[in-house]
Amino acid sequence: MTIEGAEFPVAFPADDGSVLVNFGLLAGREATQAELDRLALALRRDAGGAQMTITAERRQDYGPRAETVSHQVRVSLVGSTSARAPWIESVCHAWAVACAEERSLESLLP
């Protein structure tokens, strides 16, 4: 995803082995419960019913010159290894793009 020449990843691995999804940057809003359920179904179908935790996060970061609010989704599969991360990222990326295409809010960026 590109915003004014800067490249932002949609889904990427976190240090703890989970996958983070920059949902808010893409859709301009938080993910709905129904959308999170669809992501779980897609992951369970492709992972043979693996156990997982999906967390929708609303982050508010404050600094000396900036305040930001971001909406991220974190996916953690039980027993997930780094070899599975690209597959999980791919499923999460496709899900986030589909959700944004179905329903997005106007960007606040100029």
C-alpha atoms as a PDB file:
ATOM      1  CA  MET A   1       0.000   0.000   0.000  1.00  0.00           C
ATOM      2  CA  THR A   2       1.337   3.442  -0.930  1.00  0.00           C
ATOM      3  CA  ILE A   3       0.344   6.782   0.591  1.00  0.00           C
ATOM      4  CA  GLU A   4       1.972   9.839  -0.987  1.00  0.00           C
ATOM      5  CA  GLY A   5       5.020   7.892  -2.141  1.00  0.00           C
ATOM      6  CA  ALA A   6       5.597   6.079   1.165  1.00  0.00           C
ATOM      7  CA  GLU A   7       5.193   2.315   1.170  1.00  0.00           C
ATOM      8  CA  PHE A   8       3.294   0.757   4.105  1.00  0.00           C
ATOM      9  CA  PRO A   9       2.912  -2.986   4.634  1.00  0.00           C
ATOM     10  CA  VAL A  10      -0.645  -4.255   4.960  1.00  0.00           C
ATOM     11  CA  ALA A  11       0.256  -7.445   6.859  1.00  0.00           C
ATOM     12  CA  PHE A  12       3.635  -8.193   8.403  1.00  0.00           C
ATOM     13  CA  PRO A  13       5.190 -10.415  11.087  1.00  0.00           C
ATOM     14  CA  ALA A  14       5.586  -9.025  14.615  1.00  0.00           C
ATOM     15  CA  ASP A  15       8.478  -9.831  16.925  1.00  0.00           C
ATOM     16  CA  ASP A  16       6.308 -12.174  19.007  1.00  0.00           C
ATOM     17  CA  GLY A  17       5.462 -14.437  16.021  1.00  0.00           C
ATOM     18  CA  SER A  18       2.022 -12.975  15.419  1.00  0.00           C
ATOM     19  CA  VAL A  19       0.994 -11.162  12.238  1.00  0.00           C
ATOM     20  CA  LEU A  20      -0.074  -7.514  12.361  1.00  0.00           C
ATOM     21  CA  VAL A  21      -2.516  -6.028   9.853  1.00  0.00           C
ATOM     22  CA  ASN A  22      -2.579  -2.260   9.243  1.00  0.00           C
ATOM     23  CA  PHE A  23      -6.337  -2.350   8.812  1.00  0.00           C
ATOM     24  CA  GLY A  24      -7.000   1.315   9.607  1.00  0.00           C
ATOM     25  CA  LEU A  25      -4.453   2.633   7.100  1.00  0.00           C
ATOM     26  CA  LEU A  26      -6.121   0.605   4.390  1.00  0.00           C
ATOM     27  CA  ALA A  27      -9.812   0.937   5.293  1.00  0.00           C
ATOM     28  CA  GLY A  28      -9.786   4.153   7.311  1.00  0.00           C
ATOM     29  CA  ARG A  29     -11.776   2.533  10.123  1.00  0.00           C
ATOM     30  CA  GLU A  30     -11.821  -0.292  12.654  1.00  0.00           C
ATOM     31  CA  ALA A  31     -12.621  -3.856  11.602  1.00  0.00           C
ATOM     32  CA  THR A  32     -16.149  -5.030  12.410  1.00  0.00           C
ATOM     33  CA  GLN A  33     -16.926  -8.194  14.340  1.00  0.00           C
ATOM     34  CA  ALA A  34     -18.316  -9.795  11.171  1.00  0.00           C
ATOM     35  CA  GLU A  35     -15.082  -9.019   9.301  1.00  0.00           C
ATOM     36  CA  LEU A  36     -12.985 -10.513  12.107  1.00  0.00           C
ATOM     37  CA  ASP A  37     -15.181 -13.633  11.981  1.00  0.00           C
ATOM     38  CA  ARG A  38     -14.575 -13.893   8.211  1.00  0.00           C
ATOM     39  CA  LEU A  39     -10.817 -13.671   8.791  1.00  0.00           C
ATOM     40  CA  ALA A  40     -11.021 -16.447  11.398  1.00  0.00           C
ATOM     41  CA  LEU A  41     -12.982 -18.645   8.993  1.00  0.00           C
ATOM     42  CA  ALA A  42     -10.445 -18.092   6.204  1.00  0.00           C
ATOM     43  CA  LEU A  43      -7.515 -18.893   8.491  1.00  0.00           C
ATOM     44  CA  ARG A  44      -9.186 -21.954  10.036  1.00  0.00           C
ATOM     45  CA  ARG A  45     -10.186 -23.316   6.629  1.00  0.00           C
ATOM     46  CA  ASP A  46      -6.646 -23.010   5.268  1.00  0.00           C
ATOM     47  CA  ALA A  47      -4.948 -24.099   8.519  1.00  0.00           C
ATOM     48  CA  GLY A  48      -7.045 -27.193   9.089  1.00  0.00           C
ATOM     49  CA  GLY A  49      -8.937 -25.753  12.057  1.00  0.00           C
ATOM     50  CA  ALA A  50      -5.937 -24.382  13.944  1.00  0.00           C
ATOM     51  CA  GLN A  51      -6.536 -22.602  17.240  1.00  0.00           C
ATOM     52  CA  MET A  52      -5.916 -18.846  17.065  1.00  0.00           C
ATOM     53  CA  THR A  53      -6.389 -15.518  18.739  1.00  0.00           C
ATOM     54  CA  ILE A  54      -7.432 -12.453  16.739  1.00  0.00           C
ATOM     55  CA  THR A  55      -7.216  -9.107  18.484  1.00  0.00           C
ATOM     56  CA  ALA A  56      -8.528  -5.814  17.100  1.00  0.00           C
ATOM     57  CA  GLU A  57      -6.361  -3.041  18.529  1.00  0.00           C
ATOM     58  CA  ARG A  58      -7.035   0.674  18.684  1.00  0.00           C
ATOM     59  CA  ARG A  59      -3.643   2.236  19.368  1.00  0.00           C
ATOM     60  CA  GLN A  60      -3.229   5.816  20.451  1.00  0.00           C
ATOM     61  CA  ASP A  61       0.363   7.046  20.383  1.00  0.00           C
ATOM     62  CA  TYR A  62       1.458  10.417  21.754  1.00  0.00           C
ATOM     63  CA  GLY A  63       4.707  12.199  21.133  1.00  0.00           C
ATOM     64  CA  PRO A  64       6.084  15.707  21.526  1.00  0.00           C
ATOM     65  CA  ARG A  65       4.866  16.749  18.057  1.00  0.00           C
ATOM     66  CA  ALA A  66       2.309  14.174  17.025  1.00  0.00           C
ATOM     67  CA  GLU A  67      -0.673  12.197  18.173  1.00  0.00           C
ATOM     68  CA  THR A  68      -1.883   9.209  16.176  1.00  0.00           C
ATOM     69  CA  VAL A  69      -4.708   6.714  16.316  1.00  0.00           C
ATOM     70  CA  SER A  70      -4.286   3.463  14.430  1.00  0.00           C
ATOM     71  CA  HIS A  71      -6.469   0.401  13.992  1.00  0.00           C
ATOM     72  CA  GLN A  72      -4.551  -2.843  13.768  1.00  0.00           C
ATOM     73  CA  VAL A  73      -5.531  -6.478  13.808  1.00  0.00           C
ATOM     74  CA  ARG A  74      -3.174  -9.011  15.415  1.00  0.00           C
ATOM     75  CA  VAL A  75      -3.382 -12.704  14.492  1.00  0.00           C
ATOM     76  CA  SER A  76      -1.677 -15.370  16.596  1.00  0.00           C
ATOM     77  CA  LEU A  77      -1.949 -19.036  15.646  1.00  0.00           C
ATOM     78  CA  VAL A  78      -1.135 -21.595  18.331  1.00  0.00           C
ATOM     79  CA  GLY A  79       2.048 -23.424  17.384  1.00  0.00           C
ATOM     80  CA  SER A  80       2.725 -21.003  14.536  1.00  0.00           C
ATOM     81  CA  THR A  81       6.270 -21.027  13.172  1.00  0.00           C
ATOM     82  CA  SER A  82       8.135 -18.503  11.061  1.00  0.00           C
ATOM     83  CA  ALA A  83       7.655 -20.850   8.078  1.00  0.00           C
ATOM     84  CA  ARG A  84       3.874 -20.294   8.320  1.00  0.00           C
ATOM     85  CA  ALA A  85       4.144 -16.478   8.630  1.00  0.00           C
ATOM     86  CA  PRO A  86       4.140 -15.764   4.850  1.00  0.00           C
ATOM     87  CA  TRP A  87       0.981 -17.852   4.423  1.00  0.00           C
ATOM     88  CA  ILE A  88      -0.742 -16.079   7.332  1.00  0.00           C
ATOM     89  CA  GLU A  89       0.372 -12.682   5.982  1.00  0.00           C
ATOM     90  CA  SER A  90      -1.058 -13.545   2.569  1.00  0.00           C
ATOM     91  CA  VAL A  91      -4.464 -14.528   3.978  1.00  0.00           C
ATOM     92  CA  CYS A  92      -4.553 -11.405   6.182  1.00  0.00           C
ATOM     93  CA  HIS A  93      -3.534  -9.145   3.299  1.00  0.00           C
ATOM     94  CA  ALA A  94      -6.246 -10.510   1.004  1.00  0.00           C
ATOM     95  CA  TRP A  95      -8.838 -10.186   3.804  1.00  0.00           C
ATOM     96  CA  ALA A  96      -7.920  -6.567   4.586  1.00  0.00           C
ATOM     97  CA  VAL A  97      -7.998  -5.538   0.918  1.00  0.00           C
ATOM     98  CA  ALA A  98     -11.401  -7.202   0.433  1.00  0.00           C
ATOM     99  CA  CYS A  99     -12.799  -5.453   3.530  1.00  0.00           C
ATOM    100  CA  ALA A 100     -11.476  -2.070   2.376  1.00  0.00           C
ATOM    101  CA  GLU A 101     -12.937  -2.544  -1.102  1.00  0.00           C
ATOM    102  CA  GLU A 102     -16.332  -3.394   0.387  1.00  0.00           C
ATOM    103  CA  ARG A 103     -16.472  -0.469   2.803  1.00  0.00           C
ATOM    104  CA  SER A 104     -13.953   2.322   3.432  1.00  0.00           C
ATOM    105  CA  LEU A 105     -14.017   5.759   4.981  1.00  0.00           C
ATOM    106  CA  GLU A 106     -12.451   8.775   3.348  1.00  0.00           C
ATOM    107  CA  SER A 107      -8.819   9.238   4.223  1.00  0.00           C
ATOM    108  CA  LEU A 108      -7.962  12.109   6.537  1.00  0.00           C
ATOM    109  CA  LEU A 109      -4.674  12.597   4.691  1.00  0.00           C
ATOM    110  CA  PRO A 110      -4.570  15.489   2.203  1.00  0.00           C
END
